[in-house]
Amino acid sequence: MVLLNLSLKLVLPFAALLNALGADYLATNWRSEEGLPHSIVNTVVQARDGYLWIGTYVGLVRFDGLRFVHYSSGTCRNWGTAGC
């Protein structure tokens, strides 16, 4: 896994600049309206299976490219079980 500690406030403007320069990159901005449970992202890790794991102040989020699945102490009482 590659661990990326990103500040979206720094990365997104850079990605927009690359896009404006004609680079072949796509920048997508996800917000709570799209399912991200918190507006501040602390850590992003991409697993070998392609999932993005996103650390926020309100829990861990798995993103498959289409939808967000939120894991927190309130939703997962027994970490490591079949339910979480």
Foldseek 3Di string as FASTA:
>chain_A
DDKDFDWCVPPVVVQVVCVVVPHPDDDDDDDVVQPDPDPGWGIWDADPVGWIWTDDPAAIWTDNPRYIDGDHCVQPVDPPDPSD
